[in-house]
Amino acid sequence: MSVGERVASRSNPDVEDNQGDDTYLPPRRAVHPSEQGKWTNLFYMTLLWLFIALVVSLTIWGIRYSNSSL
């Protein structure tokens, strides 16, 4: 690209649009999607299962040791 072509493309947006089609890049978000939603879902599912395990284990512990004290 010569100096004259660069000056012409700066002053004429039509020339710039034609050159941009050859080197178009998609947005970064489309190329590298965020994994934040996946990790958030994993975190909340882990918390849910830990809570369920805690409730079940405390229920079993309560039933086991409440009968022996009678």
Protein backbone atom coordinates (compact mmCIF):
# COMPACT_ATOMS: atom_id res chain seq x y z
CA MET A 1 0.00 0.00 0.00
CA SER A 2 1.48 3.29 -1.05
CA VAL A 3 1.23 6.59 0.78
CA GLY A 4 -1.36 7.83 -1.71
CA GLU A 5 -3.57 4.79 -1.10
CA ARG A 6 -3.34 5.26 2.67
CA VAL A 7 -4.37 8.91 2.40
CA ALA A 8 -7.21 8.00 0.05
CA SER A 9 -8.48 5.28 2.36
CA ARG A 10 -8.47 7.65 5.32
CA SER A 11 -10.50 10.25 3.51
CA ASN A 12 -12.82 7.82 1.73
CA PRO A 13 -14.69 5.38 4.00
CA ASP A 14 -15.79 3.24 1.01
CA VAL A 15 -12.19 2.25 0.30
CA GLU A 16 -11.66 1.43 3.96
CA ASP A 17 -14.77 -0.78 4.06
CA ASN A 18 -13.58 -2.79 1.07
CA GLN A 19 -10.20 -3.39 2.68
CA GLY A 20 -11.76 -4.32 6.01
CA ASP A 21 -13.71 -7.24 4.52
CA ASP A 22 -10.51 -9.19 3.83
CA THR A 23 -9.18 -8.84 7.37
CA TYR A 24 -12.41 -9.04 9.39
CA LEU A 25 -12.00 -10.63 12.80
CA PRO A 26 -14.93 -11.68 14.95
CA PRO A 27 -15.28 -10.14 18.40
CA ARG A 28 -13.08 -11.65 21.11
CA ARG A 29 -16.16 -12.77 23.04
CA ALA A 30 -17.20 -14.95 20.08
CA VAL A 31 -13.74 -16.49 19.65
CA HIS A 32 -13.01 -16.99 23.36
CA PRO A 33 -16.32 -17.40 25.20
CA SER A 34 -16.30 -16.82 28.92
CA GLU A 35 -16.35 -19.87 31.20
CA GLN A 36 -17.63 -17.87 34.15
CA GLY A 37 -21.15 -19.31 33.86
CA LYS A 38 -19.85 -22.87 33.78
CA TRP A 39 -17.76 -22.37 36.94
CA THR A 40 -20.60 -20.59 38.73
CA ASN A 41 -22.96 -23.47 37.97
CA LEU A 42 -20.38 -26.00 39.18
CA PHE A 43 -19.85 -24.01 42.40
CA TYR A 44 -23.57 -23.86 43.22
CA MET A 45 -24.13 -27.53 42.40
CA THR A 46 -21.21 -28.45 44.70
CA LEU A 47 -22.71 -26.36 47.50
CA LEU A 48 -26.09 -28.00 46.99
CA TRP A 49 -24.65 -31.54 47.19
CA LEU A 50 -22.57 -30.67 50.25
CA PHE A 51 -25.69 -29.34 51.95
CA ILE A 52 -27.67 -32.47 51.05
CA ALA A 53 -24.83 -34.68 52.36
CA LEU A 54 -24.72 -32.65 55.59
CA VAL A 55 -28.47 -32.97 56.16
CA VAL A 56 -28.44 -36.73 55.46
CA SER A 57 -25.41 -37.35 57.68
CA LEU A 58 -26.83 -35.28 60.56
CA THR A 59 -30.18 -37.10 60.25
CA ILE A 60 -28.49 -40.52 60.36
CA TRP A 61 -26.28 -39.41 63.28
CA GLY A 62 -29.31 -38.05 65.14
CA ILE A 63 -31.34 -41.24 64.66
CA ARG A 64 -28.44 -43.49 65.65
CA TYR A 65 -27.51 -41.68 68.88
CA SER A 66 -31.00 -40.64 69.98
CA ASN A 67 -32.12 -44.29 70.34
CA SER A 68 -29.14 -45.30 72.48
CA SER A 69 -29.83 -42.66 75.13
CA LEU A 70 -33.33 -43.96 75.94
